[in-house]
């Protein structure tokens, strides 16, 4: 199952996995783009994937998604938590959280916990941008003060890396990994003129190239991988020291569980 599968890295990964013969489930926010993504996967593999719509800016949507998935599948071999966004202006969700930390971390954290007993492996799309973050588990809405888009995004990406590492510790039967896909030409920041210019002239990767490590982590023998590890270009990497702090990861888990209303 691939979240954020309507375009970009998620769609590229879904196409690649389907071509390999995997049964793929796509999760996306926009119904029209989700249908178009399903058509792309069908055209590439000959099999139409199942589609589930959910908006990660609404935690009740995530809860409903988990209920539908639990009703549909006894097992999900790989949950690829790929959905996310760069938010250019400060936005508070209906759940009361800064949008970047909710869409990029709290929503996938909630989904993973609600499906944990059925998931065989977790793959989390993080980013080298985690180095710009300032994560404080005691104040998940800190980014709303003096808002800076890349700092808010980087904070959510720190959370992704810490979540994967802590999931590996708490769920020893569920291998978990995070990865940096590179700087990829996607719909991220599509409303920003500066980002649009950068997409035209800077050496951005294609979504297919960005998805390579996701697909590799989804298929590689766990004995050859570092459980809870952070990867880039199919190699283990060392994240920022803060993003490798097990104490911070444990505090983030507790704070995230409290935020989304589950037992920590």
C-alpha atoms as a PDB file:
ATOM      1  CA  UNK A   1       0.000   0.000   0.000  1.00  0.00           C
ATOM      2  CA  UNK A   2       1.387   3.380  -1.060  1.00  0.00           C
ATOM      3  CA  UNK A   3       0.092   6.635   0.388  1.00  0.00           C
ATOM      4  CA  UNK A   4       0.528   9.844  -1.554  1.00  0.00           C
ATOM      5  CA  UNK A   5       0.227   7.700  -4.657  1.00  0.00           C
ATOM      6  CA  UNK A   6      -1.627  10.177  -6.891  1.00  0.00           C
ATOM      7  CA  UNK A   7       1.587  11.621  -8.340  1.00  0.00           C
ATOM      8  CA  UNK A   8       5.333  11.959  -7.902  1.00  0.00           C
ATOM      9  CA  UNK A   9       7.344   9.400  -5.962  1.00  0.00           C
ATOM     10  CA  UNK A  10       4.277   7.506  -4.768  1.00  0.00           C
ATOM     11  CA  UNK A  11       2.879   6.977  -8.258  1.00  0.00           C
ATOM     12  CA  UNK A  12       6.299   6.065  -9.666  1.00  0.00           C
ATOM     13  CA  UNK A  13       6.785   3.502  -6.899  1.00  0.00           C
ATOM     14  CA  UNK A  14       3.300   2.067  -7.418  1.00  0.00           C
ATOM     15  CA  UNK A  15       3.923   1.649 -11.157  1.00  0.00           C
ATOM     16  CA  UNK A  16       7.280  -0.058 -10.532  1.00  0.00           C
ATOM     17  CA  UNK A  17       5.867  -2.394  -7.866  1.00  0.00           C
ATOM     18  CA  UNK A  18       2.876  -3.311 -10.044  1.00  0.00           C
ATOM     19  CA  UNK A  19       5.148  -4.077 -12.987  1.00  0.00           C
ATOM     20  CA  UNK A  20       7.026  -6.491 -10.712  1.00  0.00           C
ATOM     21  CA  UNK A  21       3.788  -8.364 -10.109  1.00  0.00           C
ATOM     22  CA  UNK A  22       2.864  -6.938  -6.711  1.00  0.00           C
ATOM     23  CA  UNK A  23      -0.761  -6.232  -5.855  1.00  0.00           C
ATOM     24  CA  UNK A  24      -0.765  -2.491  -5.237  1.00  0.00           C
ATOM     25  CA  UNK A  25      -3.195  -0.321  -3.279  1.00  0.00           C
ATOM     26  CA  UNK A  26      -3.110   3.442  -3.848  1.00  0.00           C
ATOM     27  CA  UNK A  27      -4.095   6.078  -1.305  1.00  0.00           C
ATOM     28  CA  UNK A  28      -4.525   9.705  -2.355  1.00  0.00           C
ATOM     29  CA  UNK A  29      -6.378  12.889  -1.464  1.00  0.00           C
ATOM     30  CA  UNK A  30      -7.726  14.165  -4.794  1.00  0.00           C
ATOM     31  CA  UNK A  31     -10.294  11.807  -6.402  1.00  0.00           C
ATOM     32  CA  UNK A  32      -9.566  12.807 -10.010  1.00  0.00           C
ATOM     33  CA  UNK A  33      -5.791  12.487  -9.661  1.00  0.00           C
ATOM     34  CA  UNK A  34      -6.223   9.216  -7.768  1.00  0.00           C
ATOM     35  CA  UNK A  35      -8.321   7.792 -10.618  1.00  0.00           C
ATOM     36  CA  UNK A  36      -5.719   8.957 -13.139  1.00  0.00           C
ATOM     37  CA  UNK A  37      -2.979   7.300 -11.085  1.00  0.00           C
ATOM     38  CA  UNK A  38      -4.962   4.073 -11.047  1.00  0.00           C
ATOM     39  CA  UNK A  39      -5.180   4.254 -14.841  1.00  0.00           C
ATOM     40  CA  UNK A  40      -1.396   4.715 -15.050  1.00  0.00           C
ATOM     41  CA  UNK A  41      -0.763   1.642 -12.922  1.00  0.00           C
ATOM     42  CA  UNK A  42      -3.284  -0.397 -14.930  1.00  0.00           C
ATOM     43  CA  UNK A  43      -1.698   0.647 -18.224  1.00  0.00           C
ATOM     44  CA  UNK A  44       1.766  -0.284 -16.941  1.00  0.00           C
ATOM     45  CA  UNK A  45       0.902  -3.631 -15.363  1.00  0.00           C
ATOM     46  CA  UNK A  46      -2.368  -4.831 -16.853  1.00  0.00           C
ATOM     47  CA  UNK A  47      -3.991  -4.895 -13.402  1.00  0.00           C
ATOM     48  CA  UNK A  48      -6.075  -2.084 -11.964  1.00  0.00           C
ATOM     49  CA  UNK A  49      -5.079  -1.259  -8.380  1.00  0.00           C
ATOM     50  CA  UNK A  50      -7.575  -0.649  -5.625  1.00  0.00           C
ATOM     51  CA  UNK A  51      -7.996   3.013  -4.716  1.00  0.00           C
ATOM     52  CA  UNK A  52      -8.700   4.619  -1.345  1.00  0.00           C
ATOM     53  CA  UNK A  53      -9.257   8.344  -0.856  1.00  0.00           C
ATOM     54  CA  UNK A  54      -8.180  10.064   2.347  1.00  0.00           C
ATOM     55  CA  UNK A  55      -7.110  13.559   3.323  1.00  0.00           C
ATOM     56  CA  UNK A  56      -4.278  13.442   5.861  1.00  0.00           C
ATOM     57  CA  UNK A  57      -5.147  16.969   6.967  1.00  0.00           C
ATOM     58  CA  UNK A  58      -8.178  15.394   8.672  1.00  0.00           C
ATOM     59  CA  UNK A  59      -7.407  12.700  11.255  1.00  0.00           C
ATOM     60  CA  UNK A  60     -10.950  11.319  11.087  1.00  0.00           C
ATOM     61  CA  UNK A  61     -10.251  10.609   7.405  1.00  0.00           C
ATOM     62  CA  UNK A  62      -7.232   8.569   8.488  1.00  0.00           C
ATOM     63  CA  UNK A  63      -9.312   6.641  11.014  1.00  0.00           C
ATOM     64  CA  UNK A  64     -11.957   5.871   8.377  1.00  0.00           C
ATOM     65  CA  UNK A  65      -9.229   4.818   5.950  1.00  0.00           C
ATOM     66  CA  UNK A  66      -7.821   2.387   8.501  1.00  0.00           C
ATOM     67  CA  UNK A  67     -11.278   0.898   9.098  1.00  0.00           C
ATOM     68  CA  UNK A  68     -11.804   0.380   5.369  1.00  0.00           C
ATOM     69  CA  UNK A  69      -8.389  -1.191   4.936  1.00  0.00           C
ATOM     70  CA  UNK A  70      -8.877  -3.512   7.891  1.00  0.00           C
ATOM     71  CA  UNK A  71     -12.186  -4.636   6.408  1.00  0.00           C
ATOM     72  CA  UNK A  72     -10.572  -5.244   3.013  1.00  0.00           C
ATOM     73  CA  UNK A  73      -7.246  -6.906   3.866  1.00  0.00           C
ATOM     74  CA  UNK A  74      -6.059  -9.434   6.420  1.00  0.00           C
ATOM     75  CA  UNK A  75      -2.460  -8.451   5.710  1.00  0.00           C
ATOM     76  CA  UNK A  76      -0.568  -5.545   4.159  1.00  0.00           C
ATOM     77  CA  UNK A  77       2.904  -6.777   3.246  1.00  0.00           C
ATOM     78  CA  UNK A  78       4.365  -3.265   2.889  1.00  0.00           C
ATOM     79  CA  UNK A  79       2.943   0.041   4.089  1.00  0.00           C
ATOM     80  CA  UNK A  80       4.766   2.835   2.265  1.00  0.00           C
ATOM     81  CA  UNK A  81       4.096   6.025   4.208  1.00  0.00           C
ATOM     82  CA  UNK A  82       4.882   8.399   1.380  1.00  0.00           C
ATOM     83  CA  UNK A  83       2.156  11.078   1.586  1.00  0.00           C
ATOM     84  CA  UNK A  84       3.374  14.533   2.482  1.00  0.00           C
ATOM     85  CA  UNK A  85       3.639  18.152   1.460  1.00  0.00           C
ATOM     86  CA  UNK A  86       5.602  21.353   1.800  1.00  0.00           C
ATOM     87  CA  UNK A  87       3.198  23.949   3.217  1.00  0.00           C
ATOM     88  CA  UNK A  88       4.082  27.462   2.091  1.00  0.00           C
ATOM     89  CA  UNK A  89       1.905  29.367   4.588  1.00  0.00           C
ATOM     90  CA  UNK A  90       1.041  28.611   8.225  1.00  0.00           C
ATOM     91  CA  UNK A  91      -2.084  26.464   8.319  1.00  0.00           C
ATOM     92  CA  UNK A  92      -3.828  24.939  11.323  1.00  0.00           C
ATOM     93  CA  UNK A  93      -5.825  21.786  10.573  1.00  0.00           C
ATOM     94  CA  UNK A  94      -9.318  20.996  11.845  1.00  0.00           C
ATOM     95  CA  UNK A  95      -7.562  18.808  14.420  1.00  0.00           C
ATOM     96  CA  UNK A  96      -5.605  21.779  15.752  1.00  0.00           C
ATOM     97  CA  UNK A  97      -2.134  20.970  14.416  1.00  0.00           C
ATOM     98  CA  UNK A  98       0.265  22.722  12.062  1.00  0.00           C
ATOM     99  CA  UNK A  99      -0.414  21.157   8.672  1.00  0.00           C
ATOM    100  CA  UNK A 100       3.133  19.947   7.892  1.00  0.00           C
ATOM    101  CA  UNK A 101       3.529  18.013  11.136  1.00  0.00           C
ATOM    102  CA  UNK A 102       0.045  16.519  10.786  1.00  0.00           C
ATOM    103  CA  UNK A 103       0.087  15.533   7.108  1.00  0.00           C
ATOM    104  CA  UNK A 104       3.713  14.383   7.071  1.00  0.00           C
ATOM    105  CA  UNK A 105       3.972  12.758  10.504  1.00  0.00           C
ATOM    106  CA  UNK A 106       0.905  12.531  12.735  1.00  0.00           C
ATOM    107  CA  UNK A 107      -1.409  11.123  10.057  1.00  0.00           C
ATOM    108  CA  UNK A 108       0.982   8.349   8.933  1.00  0.00           C
ATOM    109  CA  UNK A 109       1.861   7.683  12.586  1.00  0.00           C
ATOM    110  CA  UNK A 110      -1.840   7.171  13.322  1.00  0.00           C
ATOM    111  CA  UNK A 111      -2.430   5.045  10.227  1.00  0.00           C
ATOM    112  CA  UNK A 112       0.563   2.825  10.997  1.00  0.00           C
ATOM    113  CA  UNK A 113      -0.563   2.282  14.576  1.00  0.00           C
ATOM    114  CA  UNK A 114      -4.113   1.435  13.522  1.00  0.00           C
ATOM    115  CA  UNK A 115      -2.797  -1.125  11.026  1.00  0.00           C
ATOM    116  CA  UNK A 116       0.272  -2.350  12.924  1.00  0.00           C
ATOM    117  CA  UNK A 117      -1.053  -5.867  13.529  1.00  0.00           C
ATOM    118  CA  UNK A 118      -1.546  -6.361   9.766  1.00  0.00           C
ATOM    119  CA  UNK A 119       1.577  -4.707   8.373  1.00  0.00           C
ATOM    120  CA  UNK A 120       4.616  -6.758   7.391  1.00  0.00           C
ATOM    121  CA  UNK A 121       7.007  -3.857   6.754  1.00  0.00           C
ATOM    122  CA  UNK A 122       7.086  -0.049   7.008  1.00  0.00           C
ATOM    123  CA  UNK A 123       8.845   2.248   4.557  1.00  0.00           C
ATOM    124  CA  UNK A 124       8.724   5.963   5.361  1.00  0.00           C
ATOM    125  CA  UNK A 125       9.607   8.709   2.875  1.00  0.00           C
ATOM    126  CA  UNK A 126      11.786  11.163   4.795  1.00  0.00           C
ATOM    127  CA  UNK A 127      14.188  13.768   3.405  1.00  0.00           C
ATOM    128  CA  UNK A 128      17.630  15.247   3.742  1.00  0.00           C
ATOM    129  CA  UNK A 129      15.693  18.407   4.571  1.00  0.00           C
ATOM    130  CA  UNK A 130      15.365  16.976   8.093  1.00  0.00           C
ATOM    131  CA  UNK A 131      18.584  18.886   8.805  1.00  0.00           C
ATOM    132  CA  UNK A 132      16.656  22.163   8.715  1.00  0.00           C
ATOM    133  CA  UNK A 133      14.090  21.048  11.281  1.00  0.00           C
ATOM    134  CA  UNK A 134      13.672  21.982  14.944  1.00  0.00           C
ATOM    135  CA  UNK A 135      11.588  19.213  16.427  1.00  0.00           C
ATOM    136  CA  UNK A 136      10.282  19.607  19.968  1.00  0.00           C
ATOM    137  CA  UNK A 137       7.896  16.799  20.978  1.00  0.00           C
ATOM    138  CA  UNK A 138       6.566  18.979  23.773  1.00  0.00           C
ATOM    139  CA  UNK A 139       5.399  21.580  21.235  1.00  0.00           C
ATOM    140  CA  UNK A 140       4.326  20.012  17.947  1.00  0.00           C
ATOM    141  CA  UNK A 141       2.836  23.342  16.844  1.00  0.00           C
ATOM    142  CA  UNK A 142       6.025  25.346  17.350  1.00  0.00           C
ATOM    143  CA  UNK A 143       6.332  25.960  13.586  1.00  0.00           C
ATOM    144  CA  UNK A 144       3.200  28.131  13.625  1.00  0.00           C
ATOM    145  CA  UNK A 145       5.194  30.854  15.387  1.00  0.00           C
ATOM    146  CA  UNK A 146       7.456  32.768  12.981  1.00  0.00           C
ATOM    147  CA  UNK A 147       6.536  30.316  10.231  1.00  0.00           C
ATOM    148  CA  UNK A 148       9.232  29.201   7.785  1.00  0.00           C
ATOM    149  CA  UNK A 149       8.136  26.576   5.227  1.00  0.00           C
ATOM    150  CA  UNK A 150      11.407  24.646   4.998  1.00  0.00           C
ATOM    151  CA  UNK A 151      11.869  24.626   8.767  1.00  0.00           C
ATOM    152  CA  UNK A 152       8.354  23.259   9.251  1.00  0.00           C
ATOM    153  CA  UNK A 153       8.920  20.690   6.513  1.00  0.00           C
ATOM    154  CA  UNK A 154      12.316  19.736   7.937  1.00  0.00           C
ATOM    155  CA  UNK A 155      10.798  19.295  11.380  1.00  0.00           C
ATOM    156  CA  UNK A 156       8.228  16.866   9.982  1.00  0.00           C
ATOM    157  CA  UNK A 157      10.998  14.969   8.185  1.00  0.00           C
ATOM    158  CA  UNK A 158      12.980  14.657  11.423  1.00  0.00           C
ATOM    159  CA  UNK A 159       9.819  13.151  12.857  1.00  0.00           C
ATOM    160  CA  UNK A 160       9.658  10.645   9.970  1.00  0.00           C
ATOM    161  CA  UNK A 161      13.163   9.349  10.652  1.00  0.00           C
ATOM    162  CA  UNK A 162      12.610   9.138  14.404  1.00  0.00           C
ATOM    163  CA  UNK A 163       9.245   7.422  13.890  1.00  0.00           C
ATOM    164  CA  UNK A 164      10.730   4.680  11.702  1.00  0.00           C
ATOM    165  CA  UNK A 165      13.537   4.060  14.199  1.00  0.00           C
ATOM    166  CA  UNK A 166      11.177   3.936  17.174  1.00  0.00           C
ATOM    167  CA  UNK A 167       8.702   1.711  15.292  1.00  0.00           C
ATOM    168  CA  UNK A 168      11.533  -0.763  14.718  1.00  0.00           C
ATOM    169  CA  UNK A 169      12.250  -0.796  18.452  1.00  0.00           C
ATOM    170  CA  UNK A 170       8.622  -1.081  19.546  1.00  0.00           C
ATOM    171  CA  UNK A 171       7.486  -3.491  16.830  1.00  0.00           C
ATOM    172  CA  UNK A 172      10.332  -6.031  16.447  1.00  0.00           C
ATOM    173  CA  UNK A 173       8.237  -8.127  14.060  1.00  0.00           C
ATOM    174  CA  UNK A 174       7.694  -5.200  11.663  1.00  0.00           C
ATOM    175  CA  UNK A 175      10.894  -4.075   9.905  1.00  0.00           C
ATOM    176  CA  UNK A 176      10.843  -0.297   9.458  1.00  0.00           C
ATOM    177  CA  UNK A 177      13.002   2.036   7.386  1.00  0.00           C
ATOM    178  CA  UNK A 178      13.093   5.669   6.333  1.00  0.00           C
ATOM    179  CA  UNK A 179      14.801   7.093   3.273  1.00  0.00           C
ATOM    180  CA  UNK A 180      15.802  10.262   1.463  1.00  0.00           C
ATOM    181  CA  UNK A 181      14.590  10.152  -2.175  1.00  0.00           C
ATOM    182  CA  UNK A 182      16.770  13.014  -3.372  1.00  0.00           C
ATOM    183  CA  UNK A 183      15.458  16.334  -4.601  1.00  0.00           C
ATOM    184  CA  UNK A 184      12.653  15.189  -6.867  1.00  0.00           C
ATOM    185  CA  UNK A 185      10.608  16.980  -9.528  1.00  0.00           C
ATOM    186  CA  UNK A 186       7.096  16.574  -8.046  1.00  0.00           C
ATOM    187  CA  UNK A 187       4.013  18.686  -7.298  1.00  0.00           C
ATOM    188  CA  UNK A 188       5.547  19.820  -3.961  1.00  0.00           C
ATOM    189  CA  UNK A 189       5.311  23.590  -3.645  1.00  0.00           C
ATOM    190  CA  UNK A 190       3.467  23.844  -6.951  1.00  0.00           C
ATOM    191  CA  UNK A 191       1.955  27.189  -5.923  1.00  0.00           C
ATOM    192  CA  UNK A 192       5.352  28.769  -5.346  1.00  0.00           C
ATOM    193  CA  UNK A 193       6.903  30.744  -8.209  1.00  0.00           C
ATOM    194  CA  UNK A 194      10.371  30.201  -6.721  1.00  0.00           C
ATOM    195  CA  UNK A 195       9.904  26.429  -6.577  1.00  0.00           C
ATOM    196  CA  UNK A 196       8.497  26.409 -10.117  1.00  0.00           C
ATOM    197  CA  UNK A 197      11.603  28.210 -11.404  1.00  0.00           C
ATOM    198  CA  UNK A 198      13.838  25.795  -9.537  1.00  0.00           C
ATOM    199  CA  UNK A 199      12.022  22.832 -11.069  1.00  0.00           C
ATOM    200  CA  UNK A 200      12.910  24.175 -14.525  1.00  0.00           C
ATOM    201  CA  UNK A 201      16.592  24.926 -14.016  1.00  0.00           C
ATOM    202  CA  UNK A 202      17.992  22.912 -11.101  1.00  0.00           C
ATOM    203  CA  UNK A 203      19.126  19.253 -11.350  1.00  0.00           C
ATOM    204  CA  UNK A 204      16.033  17.690  -9.823  1.00  0.00           C
ATOM    205  CA  UNK A 205      15.581  13.929 -10.038  1.00  0.00           C
ATOM    206  CA  UNK A 206      12.706  12.303 -11.833  1.00  0.00           C
ATOM    207  CA  UNK A 207      10.006  10.713  -9.649  1.00  0.00           C
ATOM    208  CA  UNK A 208      11.114   7.328 -10.985  1.00  0.00           C
ATOM    209  CA  UNK A 209      14.662   7.912  -9.736  1.00  0.00           C
ATOM    210  CA  UNK A 210      13.352   9.185  -6.418  1.00  0.00           C
ATOM    211  CA  UNK A 211      11.212   6.074  -5.981  1.00  0.00           C
ATOM    212  CA  UNK A 212      14.075   3.614  -6.497  1.00  0.00           C
ATOM    213  CA  UNK A 213      15.058   3.387  -2.833  1.00  0.00           C
ATOM    214  CA  UNK A 214      11.428   3.014  -1.731  1.00  0.00           C
ATOM    215  CA  UNK A 215      10.925   0.079  -4.101  1.00  0.00           C
ATOM    216  CA  UNK A 216      14.264  -1.427  -3.059  1.00  0.00           C
ATOM    217  CA  UNK A 217      13.425  -1.197   0.662  1.00  0.00           C
ATOM    218  CA  UNK A 218      10.037  -2.764  -0.025  1.00  0.00           C
ATOM    219  CA  UNK A 219      11.652  -5.802  -1.647  1.00  0.00           C
ATOM    220  CA  UNK A 220      15.045  -6.270  -0.002  1.00  0.00           C
ATOM    221  CA  UNK A 221      15.701  -9.141   2.427  1.00  0.00           C
ATOM    222  CA  UNK A 222      15.398  -7.597   5.928  1.00  0.00           C
ATOM    223  CA  UNK A 223      18.506  -9.497   7.003  1.00  0.00           C
ATOM    224  CA  UNK A 224      20.476  -7.270   4.626  1.00  0.00           C
ATOM    225  CA  UNK A 225      19.028  -4.043   5.991  1.00  0.00           C
ATOM    226  CA  UNK A 226      19.449  -2.044   9.194  1.00  0.00           C
ATOM    227  CA  UNK A 227      16.134  -2.204  11.031  1.00  0.00           C
ATOM    228  CA  UNK A 228      15.036   1.338  11.791  1.00  0.00           C
ATOM    229  CA  UNK A 229      17.748   2.653   9.475  1.00  0.00           C
ATOM    230  CA  UNK A 230      17.806   5.750   7.299  1.00  0.00           C
ATOM    231  CA  UNK A 231      18.742   5.219   3.644  1.00  0.00           C
ATOM    232  CA  UNK A 232      19.588   7.175   0.524  1.00  0.00           C
ATOM    233  CA  UNK A 233      20.433   5.768  -2.898  1.00  0.00           C
ATOM    234  CA  UNK A 234      19.964   2.255  -1.511  1.00  0.00           C
ATOM    235  CA  UNK A 235      22.677   2.729   1.081  1.00  0.00           C
ATOM    236  CA  UNK A 236      22.451   3.303   4.846  1.00  0.00           C
ATOM    237  CA  UNK A 237      23.180   6.884   5.809  1.00  0.00           C
ATOM    238  CA  UNK A 238      23.725   8.715   9.064  1.00  0.00           C
ATOM    239  CA  UNK A 239      21.034  11.327   9.679  1.00  0.00           C
ATOM    240  CA  UNK A 240      21.533  14.475  11.687  1.00  0.00           C
ATOM    241  CA  UNK A 241      22.535  13.518  15.223  1.00  0.00           C
ATOM    242  CA  UNK A 242      19.247  14.789  16.628  1.00  0.00           C
ATOM    243  CA  UNK A 243      17.307  12.559  14.203  1.00  0.00           C
ATOM    244  CA  UNK A 244      19.199   9.520  15.536  1.00  0.00           C
ATOM    245  CA  UNK A 245      18.475  10.212  19.231  1.00  0.00           C
ATOM    246  CA  UNK A 246      16.517   7.263  20.723  1.00  0.00           C
ATOM    247  CA  UNK A 247      15.414   9.348  23.689  1.00  0.00           C
ATOM    248  CA  UNK A 248      13.935  11.979  21.399  1.00  0.00           C
ATOM    249  CA  UNK A 249      12.294   9.248  19.317  1.00  0.00           C
ATOM    250  CA  UNK A 250      10.631   7.792  22.411  1.00  0.00           C
ATOM    251  CA  UNK A 251       9.378  11.224  23.517  1.00  0.00           C
ATOM    252  CA  UNK A 252       8.064  11.930  20.032  1.00  0.00           C
ATOM    253  CA  UNK A 253       6.175   8.629  20.021  1.00  0.00           C
ATOM    254  CA  UNK A 254       4.529   9.427  23.354  1.00  0.00           C
ATOM    255  CA  UNK A 255       3.621  12.951  22.269  1.00  0.00           C
ATOM    256  CA  UNK A 256       2.303  11.758  18.909  1.00  0.00           C
ATOM    257  CA  UNK A 257       0.150   9.053  20.497  1.00  0.00           C
ATOM    258  CA  UNK A 258      -1.345  11.630  22.852  1.00  0.00           C
ATOM    259  CA  UNK A 259      -1.926  14.048  19.955  1.00  0.00           C
ATOM    260  CA  UNK A 260      -3.859  11.535  17.852  1.00  0.00           C
ATOM    261  CA  UNK A 261      -5.674   9.929  20.783  1.00  0.00           C
ATOM    262  CA  UNK A 262      -4.214   6.423  20.942  1.00  0.00           C
ATOM    263  CA  UNK A 263      -2.379   4.490  23.657  1.00  0.00           C
ATOM    264  CA  UNK A 264       1.339   5.227  23.540  1.00  0.00           C
END
